[in-house]
Amino acid sequence: MEDREPEVVFKKETVGKLLSLFFKDDKTKVSGDAVLLMAEMLKIFVQEAARRAAKQADTEDSGTVDIDHFEKILPQLLLDF
Protein backbone atom coordinates (compact mmCIF):
# COMPACT_ATOMS: atom_id res chain seq x y z
CA MET A 1 0.00 0.00 0.00
CA GLU A 2 1.16 3.55 -0.75
CA ASP A 3 2.46 5.81 1.99
CA ARG A 4 0.38 8.94 1.33
CA GLU A 5 0.00 12.07 3.39
CA PRO A 6 -3.52 12.77 4.63
CA GLU A 7 -5.25 15.52 2.69
CA VAL A 8 -5.41 18.89 4.45
CA VAL A 9 -8.77 20.59 3.88
CA PHE A 10 -10.03 23.96 5.07
CA LYS A 11 -13.73 24.71 4.82
CA LYS A 12 -14.48 27.59 2.48
CA GLU A 13 -16.83 29.17 5.03
CA THR A 14 -14.19 29.06 7.78
CA VAL A 15 -11.53 30.67 5.58
CA GLY A 16 -13.99 33.36 4.48
CA LYS A 17 -14.86 34.19 8.09
CA LEU A 18 -11.19 34.30 9.08
CA LEU A 19 -10.45 36.70 6.27
CA SER A 20 -13.39 38.92 7.14
CA LEU A 21 -12.11 39.30 10.71
CA PHE A 22 -9.27 41.45 9.35
CA PHE A 23 -11.39 43.83 7.27
CA LYS A 24 -11.79 47.34 8.63
CA ASP A 25 -15.04 47.93 6.72
CA ASP A 26 -17.89 45.49 7.37
CA LYS A 27 -19.09 45.99 3.80
CA THR A 28 -15.93 44.47 2.34
CA LYS A 29 -16.60 41.17 0.58
CA VAL A 30 -14.31 38.36 -0.54
CA SER A 31 -14.85 36.56 -3.82
CA GLY A 32 -15.18 32.79 -3.89
CA ASP A 33 -11.96 32.53 -5.92
CA ALA A 34 -10.06 34.55 -3.31
CA VAL A 35 -11.31 32.26 -0.55
CA LEU A 36 -10.27 29.16 -2.52
CA LEU A 37 -6.84 30.67 -3.15
CA MET A 38 -6.39 31.49 0.54
CA ALA A 39 -7.50 27.97 1.51
CA GLU A 40 -4.87 26.55 -0.85
CA MET A 41 -2.21 28.83 0.65
CA LEU A 42 -3.19 27.72 4.18
CA LYS A 43 -2.99 24.09 3.07
CA ILE A 44 0.54 24.59 1.73
CA PHE A 45 1.59 26.48 4.86
CA VAL A 46 0.31 23.71 7.17
CA GLN A 47 1.94 20.98 5.10
CA GLU A 48 5.27 22.81 5.12
CA ALA A 49 5.04 23.36 8.89
CA ALA A 50 4.37 19.65 9.42
CA ARG A 51 7.31 18.66 7.21
CA ARG A 52 9.69 21.02 8.97
CA ALA A 53 8.54 19.96 12.43
CA ALA A 54 8.99 16.30 11.44
CA LYS A 55 12.48 17.05 10.16
CA GLN A 56 13.31 18.84 13.42
CA ALA A 57 12.06 15.85 15.42
CA ASP A 58 14.15 13.53 13.26
CA THR A 59 17.21 15.73 13.80
CA GLU A 60 16.68 15.39 17.55
CA ASP A 61 16.22 11.60 17.25
CA SER A 62 12.64 11.86 18.46
CA GLY A 63 10.10 9.28 17.37
CA THR A 64 7.21 11.72 17.62
CA VAL A 65 6.66 15.35 16.69
CA ASP A 66 5.50 17.56 19.54
CA ILE A 67 4.85 21.24 20.09
CA ASP A 68 8.50 21.90 20.98
CA HIS A 69 9.55 20.86 17.47
CA PHE A 70 6.93 23.12 15.95
CA GLU A 71 8.00 26.05 18.14
CA LYS A 72 11.59 25.63 16.99
CA ILE A 73 10.73 25.81 13.28
CA LEU A 74 8.07 28.52 13.52
CA PRO A 75 10.32 31.63 13.35
CA GLN A 76 12.04 30.47 10.15
CA LEU A 77 8.76 29.27 8.66
CA LEU A 78 7.18 32.68 9.16
CA LEU A 79 10.20 34.44 7.64
CA ASP A 80 10.06 32.21 4.56
CA PHE A 81 6.43 33.06 3.87
PDB file of N, CA and C in Angstrom:
ATOM      1  N   MET A   1       0.837  -1.183   0.000  1.00  0.00           N
ATOM      2  CA  MET A   1       0.000   0.000   0.000  1.00  0.00           C
ATOM      3  C   MET A   1       0.882   1.247   0.000  1.00  0.00           C
ATOM      4  N   GLU A   2       0.420   2.299  -0.657  1.00  0.00           N
ATOM      5  CA  GLU A   2       1.162   3.553  -0.749  1.00  0.00           C
ATOM      6  C   GLU A   2       1.215   4.267   0.593  1.00  0.00           C
ATOM      7  N   ASP A   3       2.325   4.977   0.802  1.00  0.00           N
ATOM      8  CA  ASP A   3       2.463   5.813   1.986  1.00  0.00           C
ATOM      9  C   ASP A   3       2.099   7.232   1.588  1.00  0.00           C
ATOM     10  N   ARG A   4       0.847   7.620   1.769  1.00  0.00           N
ATOM     11  CA  ARG A   4       0.379   8.940   1.331  1.00  0.00           C
ATOM     12  C   ARG A   4       0.083   9.817   2.536  1.00  0.00           C
ATOM     13  N   GLU A   5       0.330  11.108   2.347  1.00  0.00           N
ATOM     14  CA  GLU A   5       0.000  12.067   3.395  1.00  0.00           C
ATOM     15  C   GLU A   5      -1.511  12.287   3.407  1.00  0.00           C
ATOM     16  N   PRO A   6      -2.091  12.456   4.588  1.00  0.00           N
ATOM     17  CA  PRO A   6      -3.521  12.767   4.631  1.00  0.00           C
ATOM     18  C   PRO A   6      -3.776  14.140   4.001  1.00  0.00           C
ATOM     19  N   GLU A   7      -4.895  14.279   3.360  1.00  0.00           N
ATOM     20  CA  GLU A   7      -5.249  15.524   2.689  1.00  0.00           C
ATOM     21  C   GLU A   7      -5.648  16.588   3.717  1.00  0.00           C
ATOM     22  N   VAL A   8      -5.066  17.762   3.587  1.00  0.00           N
ATOM     23  CA  VAL A   8      -5.412  18.887   4.445  1.00  0.00           C
ATOM     24  C   VAL A   8      -6.538  19.655   3.753  1.00  0.00           C
ATOM     25  N   VAL A   9      -7.624  19.902   4.472  1.00  0.00           N
ATOM     26  CA  VAL A   9      -8.770  20.591   3.884  1.00  0.00           C
ATOM     27  C   VAL A   9      -9.245  21.675   4.846  1.00  0.00           C
ATOM     28  N   PHE A  10      -9.456  22.863   4.299  1.00  0.00           N
ATOM     29  CA  PHE A  10     -10.034  23.958   5.067  1.00  0.00           C
ATOM     30  C   PHE A  10     -11.396  24.280   4.473  1.00  0.00           C
ATOM     31  N   LYS A  11     -12.394  24.388   5.315  1.00  0.00           N
ATOM     32  CA  LYS A  11     -13.732  24.709   4.819  1.00  0.00           C
ATOM     33  C   LYS A  11     -13.743  26.133   4.279  1.00  0.00           C
ATOM     34  N   LYS A  12     -14.392  26.289   3.137  1.00  0.00           N
ATOM     35  CA  LYS A  12     -14.480  27.594   2.476  1.00  0.00           C
ATOM     36  C   LYS A  12     -15.116  28.639   3.407  1.00  0.00           C
ATOM     37  N   GLU A  13     -16.133  28.233   4.130  1.00  0.00           N
ATOM     38  CA  GLU A  13     -16.830  29.168   5.030  1.00  0.00           C
ATOM     39  C   GLU A  13     -15.906  29.638   6.151  1.00  0.00           C
ATOM     40  N   THR A  14     -15.109  28.718   6.691  1.00  0.00           N
ATOM     41  CA  THR A  14     -14.191  29.063   7.775  1.00  0.00           C
ATOM     42  C   THR A  14     -13.126  30.045   7.299  1.00  0.00           C
ATOM     43  N   VAL A  15     -12.557  29.781   6.129  1.00  0.00           N
ATOM     44  CA  VAL A  15     -11.527  30.667   5.577  1.00  0.00           C
ATOM     45  C   VAL A  15     -12.120  32.043   5.302  1.00  0.00           C
ATOM     46  N   GLY A  16     -13.317  32.083   4.753  1.00  0.00           N
ATOM     47  CA  GLY A  16     -13.987  33.358   4.484  1.00  0.00           C
ATOM     48  C   GLY A  16     -14.212  34.162   5.753  1.00  0.00           C
ATOM     49  N   LYS A  17     -14.633  33.493   6.808  1.00  0.00           N
ATOM     50  CA  LYS A  17     -14.859  34.186   8.086  1.00  0.00           C
ATOM     51  C   LYS A  17     -13.546  34.673   8.694  1.00  0.00           C
ATOM     52  N   LEU A  18     -12.499  33.861   8.586  1.00  0.00           N
ATOM     53  CA  LEU A  18     -11.190  34.296   9.081  1.00  0.00           C
ATOM     54  C   LEU A  18     -10.705  35.541   8.342  1.00  0.00           C
ATOM     55  N   LEU A  19     -10.862  35.538   7.045  1.00  0.00           N
ATOM     56  CA  LEU A  19     -10.450  36.704   6.265  1.00  0.00           C
ATOM     57  C   LEU A  19     -11.248  37.948   6.653  1.00  0.00           C
ATOM     58  N   SER A  20     -12.546  37.771   6.829  1.00  0.00           N
ATOM     59  CA  SER A  20     -13.395  38.925   7.138  1.00  0.00           C
ATOM     60  C   SER A  20     -13.091  39.527   8.510  1.00  0.00           C
ATOM     61  N   LEU A  21     -12.472  38.765   9.401  1.00  0.00           N
ATOM     62  CA  LEU A  21     -12.106  39.300  10.711  1.00  0.00           C
ATOM     63  C   LEU A  21     -11.085  40.434  10.602  1.00  0.00           C
ATOM     64  N   PHE A  22     -10.334  40.464   9.509  1.00  0.00           N
ATOM     65  CA  PHE A  22      -9.275  41.451   9.354  1.00  0.00           C
ATOM     66  C   PHE A  22      -9.691  42.656   8.515  1.00  0.00           C
ATOM     67  N   PHE A  23     -10.914  42.697   8.056  1.00  0.00           N
ATOM     68  CA  PHE A  23     -11.390  43.831   7.268  1.00  0.00           C
ATOM     69  C   PHE A  23     -11.794  44.972   8.193  1.00  0.00           C
ATOM     70  N   LYS A  24     -11.412  46.173   7.835  1.00  0.00           N
ATOM     71  CA  LYS A  24     -11.789  47.341   8.634  1.00  0.00           C
ATOM     72  C   LYS A  24     -13.237  47.750   8.353  1.00  0.00           C
ATOM     73  N   ASP A  25     -13.677  47.570   7.119  1.00  0.00           N
ATOM     74  CA  ASP A  25     -15.038  47.934   6.722  1.00  0.00           C
ATOM     75  C   ASP A  25     -15.895  46.669   6.653  1.00  0.00           C
ATOM     76  N   ASP A  26     -17.006  46.666   7.357  1.00  0.00           N
ATOM     77  CA  ASP A  26     -17.887  45.494   7.375  1.00  0.00           C
ATOM     78  C   ASP A  26     -18.511  45.202   6.014  1.00  0.00           C
ATOM     79  N   LYS A  27     -18.500  46.177   5.123  1.00  0.00           N
ATOM     80  CA  LYS A  27     -19.093  45.989   3.803  1.00  0.00           C
ATOM     81  C   LYS A  27     -18.151  45.295   2.823  1.00  0.00           C
ATOM     82  N   THR A  28     -16.904  45.113   3.210  1.00  0.00           N
ATOM     83  CA  THR A  28     -15.929  44.471   2.336  1.00  0.00           C
ATOM     84  C   THR A  28     -16.293  43.002   2.149  1.00  0.00           C
ATOM     85  N   LYS A  29     -16.268  42.560   0.911  1.00  0.00           N
ATOM     86  CA  LYS A  29     -16.604  41.172   0.580  1.00  0.00           C
ATOM     87  C   LYS A  29     -15.391  40.484  -0.032  1.00  0.00           C
ATOM     88  N   VAL A  30     -15.370  39.168   0.046  1.00  0.00           N
ATOM     89  CA  VAL A  30     -14.305  38.361  -0.539  1.00  0.00           C
ATOM     90  C   VAL A  30     -14.933  37.463  -1.597  1.00  0.00           C
ATOM     91  N   SER A  31     -14.314  37.411  -2.766  1.00  0.00           N
ATOM     92  CA  SER A  31     -14.851  36.558  -3.823  1.00  0.00           C
ATOM     93  C   SER A  31     -14.580  35.096  -3.491  1.00  0.00           C
ATOM     94  N   GLY A  32     -15.358  34.223  -4.095  1.00  0.00           N
ATOM     95  CA  GLY A  32     -15.185  32.788  -3.889  1.00  0.00           C
ATOM     96  C   GLY A  32     -13.807  32.323  -4.337  1.00  0.00           C
ATOM     97  N   ASP A  33     -13.299  32.900  -5.432  1.00  0.00           N
ATOM     98  CA  ASP A  33     -11.963  32.531  -5.917  1.00  0.00           C
ATOM     99  C   ASP A  33     -10.882  32.930  -4.925  1.00  0.00           C
ATOM    100  N   ALA A  34     -11.044  34.095  -4.298  1.00  0.00           N
ATOM    101  CA  ALA A  34     -10.056  34.547  -3.310  1.00  0.00           C
ATOM    102  C   ALA A  34     -10.052  33.625  -2.096  1.00  0.00           C
ATOM    103  N   VAL A  35     -11.214  33.177  -1.684  1.00  0.00           N
ATOM    104  CA  VAL A  35     -11.311  32.261  -0.550  1.00  0.00           C
ATOM    105  C   VAL A  35     -10.652  30.922  -0.894  1.00  0.00           C
ATOM    106  N   LEU A  36     -10.892  30.422  -2.102  1.00  0.00           N
ATOM    107  CA  LEU A  36     -10.267  29.160  -2.523  1.00  0.00           C
ATOM    108  C   LEU A  36      -8.752  29.291  -2.588  1.00  0.00           C
ATOM    109  N   LEU A  37      -8.281  30.426  -3.077  1.00  0.00           N
ATOM    110  CA  LEU A  37      -6.841  30.668  -3.147  1.00  0.00           C
ATOM    111  C   LEU A  37      -6.236  30.719  -1.744  1.00  0.00           C
ATOM    112  N   MET A  38      -6.895  31.404  -0.826  1.00  0.00           N
ATOM    113  CA  MET A  38      -6.393  31.490   0.543  1.00  0.00           C
ATOM    114  C   MET A  38      -6.424  30.118   1.214  1.00  0.00           C
ATOM    115  N   ALA A  39      -7.432  29.328   0.946  1.00  0.00           N
ATOM    116  CA  ALA A  39      -7.504  27.975   1.506  1.00  0.00           C
ATOM    117  C   ALA A  39      -6.337  27.134   0.990  1.00  0.00           C
ATOM    118  N   GLU A  40      -6.000  27.278  -0.285  1.00  0.00           N
ATOM    119  CA  GLU A  40      -4.868  26.548  -0.849  1.00  0.00           C
ATOM    120  C   GLU A  40      -3.556  27.014  -0.215  1.00  0.00           C
ATOM    121  N   MET A  41      -3.417  28.313   0.011  1.00  0.00           N
ATOM    122  CA  MET A  41      -2.212  28.833   0.653  1.00  0.00           C
ATOM    123  C   MET A  41      -2.099  28.313   2.090  1.00  0.00           C
ATOM    124  N   LEU A  42      -3.197  28.267   2.816  1.00  0.00           N
ATOM    125  CA  LEU A  42      -3.194  27.723   4.176  1.00  0.00           C
ATOM    126  C   LEU A  42      -2.807  26.251   4.165  1.00  0.00           C
ATOM    127  N   LYS A  43      -3.317  25.515   3.192  1.00  0.00           N
ATOM    128  CA  LYS A  43      -2.986  24.095   3.065  1.00  0.00           C
ATOM    129  C   LYS A  43      -1.481  23.911   2.870  1.00  0.00           C
ATOM    130  N   ILE A  44      -0.893  24.683   1.983  1.00  0.00           N
ATOM    131  CA  ILE A  44       0.543  24.590   1.726  1.00  0.00           C
ATOM    132  C   ILE A  44       1.340  24.980   2.964  1.00  0.00           C
ATOM    133  N   PHE A  45       0.914  26.020   3.656  1.00  0.00           N
ATOM    134  CA  PHE A  45       1.587  26.478   4.865  1.00  0.00           C
ATOM    135  C   PHE A  45       1.582  25.388   5.938  1.00  0.00           C
ATOM    136  N   VAL A  46       0.436  24.757   6.149  1.00  0.00           N
ATOM    137  CA  VAL A  46       0.312  23.710   7.169  1.00  0.00           C
ATOM    138  C   VAL A  46       1.150  22.490   6.798  1.00  0.00           C
ATOM    139  N   GLN A  47       1.134  22.109   5.537  1.00  0.00           N
ATOM    140  CA  GLN A  47       1.940  20.976   5.097  1.00  0.00           C
ATOM    141  C   GLN A  47       3.427  21.246   5.296  1.00  0.00           C
ATOM    142  N   GLU A  48       3.860  22.449   4.951  1.00  0.00           N
ATOM    143  CA  GLU A  48       5.272  22.806   5.121  1.00  0.00           C
ATOM    144  C   GLU A  48       5.651  22.822   6.602  1.00  0.00           C
ATOM    145  N   ALA A  49       4.775  23.344   7.445  1.00  0.00           N
ATOM    146  CA  ALA A  49       5.039  23.356   8.885  1.00  0.00           C
ATOM    147  C   ALA A  49       5.166  21.933   9.416  1.00  0.00           C
ATOM    148  N   ALA A  50       4.308  21.052   8.968  1.00  0.00           N
ATOM    149  CA  ALA A  50       4.369  19.655   9.417  1.00  0.00           C
ATOM    150  C   ALA A  50       5.666  18.994   8.958  1.00  0.00           C
ATOM    151  N   ARG A  51       6.058  19.248   7.712  1.00  0.00           N
ATOM    152  CA  ARG A  51       7.310  18.663   7.207  1.00  0.00           C
ATOM    153  C   ARG A  51       8.514  19.162   7.997  1.00  0.00           C
ATOM    154  N   ARG A  52       8.554  20.451   8.235  1.00  0.00           N
ATOM    155  CA  ARG A  52       9.691  21.017   8.965  1.00  0.00           C
ATOM    156  C   ARG A  52       9.739  20.534  10.411  1.00  0.00           C
ATOM    157  N   ALA A  53       8.578  20.450  11.047  1.00  0.00           N
ATOM    158  CA  ALA A  53       8.540  19.958  12.428  1.00  0.00           C
ATOM    159  C   ALA A  53       8.972  18.489  12.477  1.00  0.00           C
ATOM    160  N   ALA A  54       8.571  17.708  11.493  1.00  0.00           N
ATOM    161  CA  ALA A  54       8.987  16.296  11.438  1.00  0.00           C
ATOM    162  C   ALA A  54      10.490  16.189  11.230  1.00  0.00           C
ATOM    163  N   LYS A  55      11.035  17.047  10.388  1.00  0.00           N
ATOM    164  CA  LYS A  55      12.483  17.048  10.155  1.00  0.00           C
ATOM    165  C   LYS A  55      13.229  17.439  11.432  1.00  0.00           C
ATOM    166  N   GLN A  56      12.707  18.420  12.155  1.00  0.00           N
ATOM    167  CA  GLN A  56      13.308  18.838  13.424  1.00  0.00           C
ATOM    168  C   GLN A  56      13.282  17.693  14.423  1.00  0.00           C
ATOM    169  N   ALA A  57      12.168  16.998  14.504  1.00  0.00           N
ATOM    170  CA  ALA A  57      12.061  15.853  15.418  1.00  0.00           C
ATOM    171  C   ALA A  57      13.054  14.774  15.025  1.00  0.00           C
ATOM    172  N   ASP A  58      13.198  14.532  13.730  1.00  0.00           N
ATOM    173  CA  ASP A  58      14.152  13.532  13.256  1.00  0.00           C
ATOM    174  C   ASP A  58      15.584  13.934  13.601  1.00  0.00           C
ATOM    175  N   THR A  59      15.885  15.219  13.467  1.00  0.00           N
ATOM    176  CA  THR A  59      17.213  15.730  13.803  1.00  0.00           C
ATOM    177  C   THR A  59      17.529  15.494  15.273  1.00  0.00           C
ATOM    178  N   GLU A  60      16.510  15.585  16.111  1.00  0.00           N
ATOM    179  CA  GLU A  60      16.683  15.394  17.551  1.00  0.00           C
ATOM    180  C   GLU A  60      16.483  13.930  17.962  1.00  0.00           C
ATOM    181  N   ASP A  61      16.423  13.034  16.998  1.00  0.00           N
ATOM    182  CA  ASP A  61      16.225  11.599  17.252  1.00  0.00           C
ATOM    183  C   ASP A  61      14.960  11.327  18.071  1.00  0.00           C
ATOM    184  N   SER A  62      13.912  12.049  17.778  1.00  0.00           N
ATOM    185  CA  SER A  62      12.636  11.855  18.459  1.00  0.00           C
ATOM    186  C   SER A  62      11.712  11.045  17.556  1.00  0.00           C
ATOM    187  N   GLY A  63      11.013  10.117  18.137  1.00  0.00           N
ATOM    188  CA  GLY A  63      10.100   9.284  17.373  1.00  0.00           C
ATOM    189  C   GLY A  63       8.766   9.946  17.089  1.00  0.00           C
ATOM    190  N   THR A  64       8.472  11.014  17.817  1.00  0.00           N
ATOM    191  CA  THR A  64       7.213  11.723  17.619  1.00  0.00           C
ATOM    192  C   THR A  64       7.479  13.222  17.507  1.00  0.00           C
ATOM    193  N   VAL A  65       6.585  13.893  16.819  1.00  0.00           N
ATOM    194  CA  VAL A  65       6.659  15.346  16.689  1.00  0.00           C
ATOM    195  C   VAL A  65       5.777  15.947  17.775  1.00  0.00           C
ATOM    196  N   ASP A  66       6.317  16.896  18.524  1.00  0.00           N
ATOM    197  CA  ASP A  66       5.503  17.561  19.540  1.00  0.00           C
ATOM    198  C   ASP A  66       5.592  19.075  19.356  1.00  0.00           C
ATOM    199  N   ILE A  67       4.939  19.785  20.217  1.00  0.00           N
ATOM    200  CA  ILE A  67       4.850  21.238  20.094  1.00  0.00           C
ATOM    201  C   ILE A  67       6.212  21.910  20.163  1.00  0.00           C
ATOM    202  N   ASP A  68       7.148  21.323  20.890  1.00  0.00           N
ATOM    203  CA  ASP A  68       8.496  21.896  20.977  1.00  0.00           C
ATOM    204  C   ASP A  68       9.170  21.931  19.610  1.00  0.00           C
ATOM    205  N   HIS A  69       8.967  20.895  18.815  1.00  0.00           N
ATOM    206  CA  HIS A  69       9.549  20.859  17.475  1.00  0.00           C
ATOM    207  C   HIS A  69       8.926  21.947  16.601  1.00  0.00           C
ATOM    208  N   PHE A  70       7.619  22.092  16.716  1.00  0.00           N
ATOM    209  CA  PHE A  70       6.929  23.125  15.947  1.00  0.00           C
ATOM    210  C   PHE A  70       7.396  24.518  16.361  1.00  0.00           C
ATOM    211  N   GLU A  71       7.545  24.743  17.657  1.00  0.00           N
ATOM    212  CA  GLU A  71       7.995  26.053  18.137  1.00  0.00           C
ATOM    213  C   GLU A  71       9.396  26.388  17.643  1.00  0.00           C
ATOM    214  N   LYS A  72      10.224  25.389  17.467  1.00  0.00           N
ATOM    215  CA  LYS A  72      11.594  25.629  16.988  1.00  0.00           C
ATOM    216  C   LYS A  72      11.628  26.019  15.517  1.00  0.00           C
ATOM    217  N   ILE A  73      10.702  25.500  14.709  1.00  0.00           N
ATOM    218  CA  ILE A  73      10.727  25.808  13.279  1.00  0.00           C
ATOM    219  C   ILE A  73       9.879  27.028  12.914  1.00  0.00           C
ATOM    220  N   LEU A  74       9.020  27.447  13.821  1.00  0.00           N
ATOM    221  CA  LEU A  74       8.068  28.517  13.517  1.00  0.00           C
ATOM    222  C   LEU A  74       8.716  29.835  13.096  1.00  0.00           C
ATOM    223  N   PRO A  75       9.757  30.341  13.780  1.00  0.00           N
ATOM    224  CA  PRO A  75      10.324  31.628  13.345  1.00  0.00           C
ATOM    225  C   PRO A  75      10.829  31.596  11.901  1.00  0.00           C
ATOM    226  N   GLN A  76      11.531  30.558  11.517  1.00  0.00           N
ATOM    227  CA  GLN A  76      12.039  30.472  10.154  1.00  0.00           C
ATOM    228  C   GLN A  76      10.897  30.268   9.164  1.00  0.00           C
ATOM    229  N   LEU A  77       9.917  29.503   9.539  1.00  0.00           N
ATOM    230  CA  LEU A  77       8.762  29.271   8.665  1.00  0.00           C
ATOM    231  C   LEU A  77       8.051  30.588   8.352  1.00  0.00           C
ATOM    232  N   LEU A  78       7.858  31.404   9.361  1.00  0.00           N
ATOM    233  CA  LEU A  78       7.184  32.679   9.156  1.00  0.00           C
ATOM    234  C   LEU A  78       8.020  33.645   8.324  1.00  0.00           C
ATOM    235  N   LEU A  79       9.332  33.579   8.454  1.00  0.00           N
ATOM    236  CA  LEU A  79      10.202  34.437   7.644  1.00  0.00           C
ATOM    237  C   LEU A  79      10.192  34.007   6.184  1.00  0.00           C
ATOM    238  N   ASP A  80      10.050  32.713   5.930  1.00  0.00           N
ATOM    239  CA  ASP A  80      10.058  32.214   4.558  1.00  0.00           C
ATOM    240  C   ASP A  80       8.790  32.575   3.812  1.00  0.00           C
ATOM    241  N   PHE A  81       7.688  32.731   4.536  1.00  0.00           N
ATOM    242  CA  PHE A  81       6.430  33.057   3.873  1.00  0.00           C
ATOM    243  C   PHE A  81       6.202  34.495   3.989  1.00  0.00           C
TER     244      PHE A  81
END
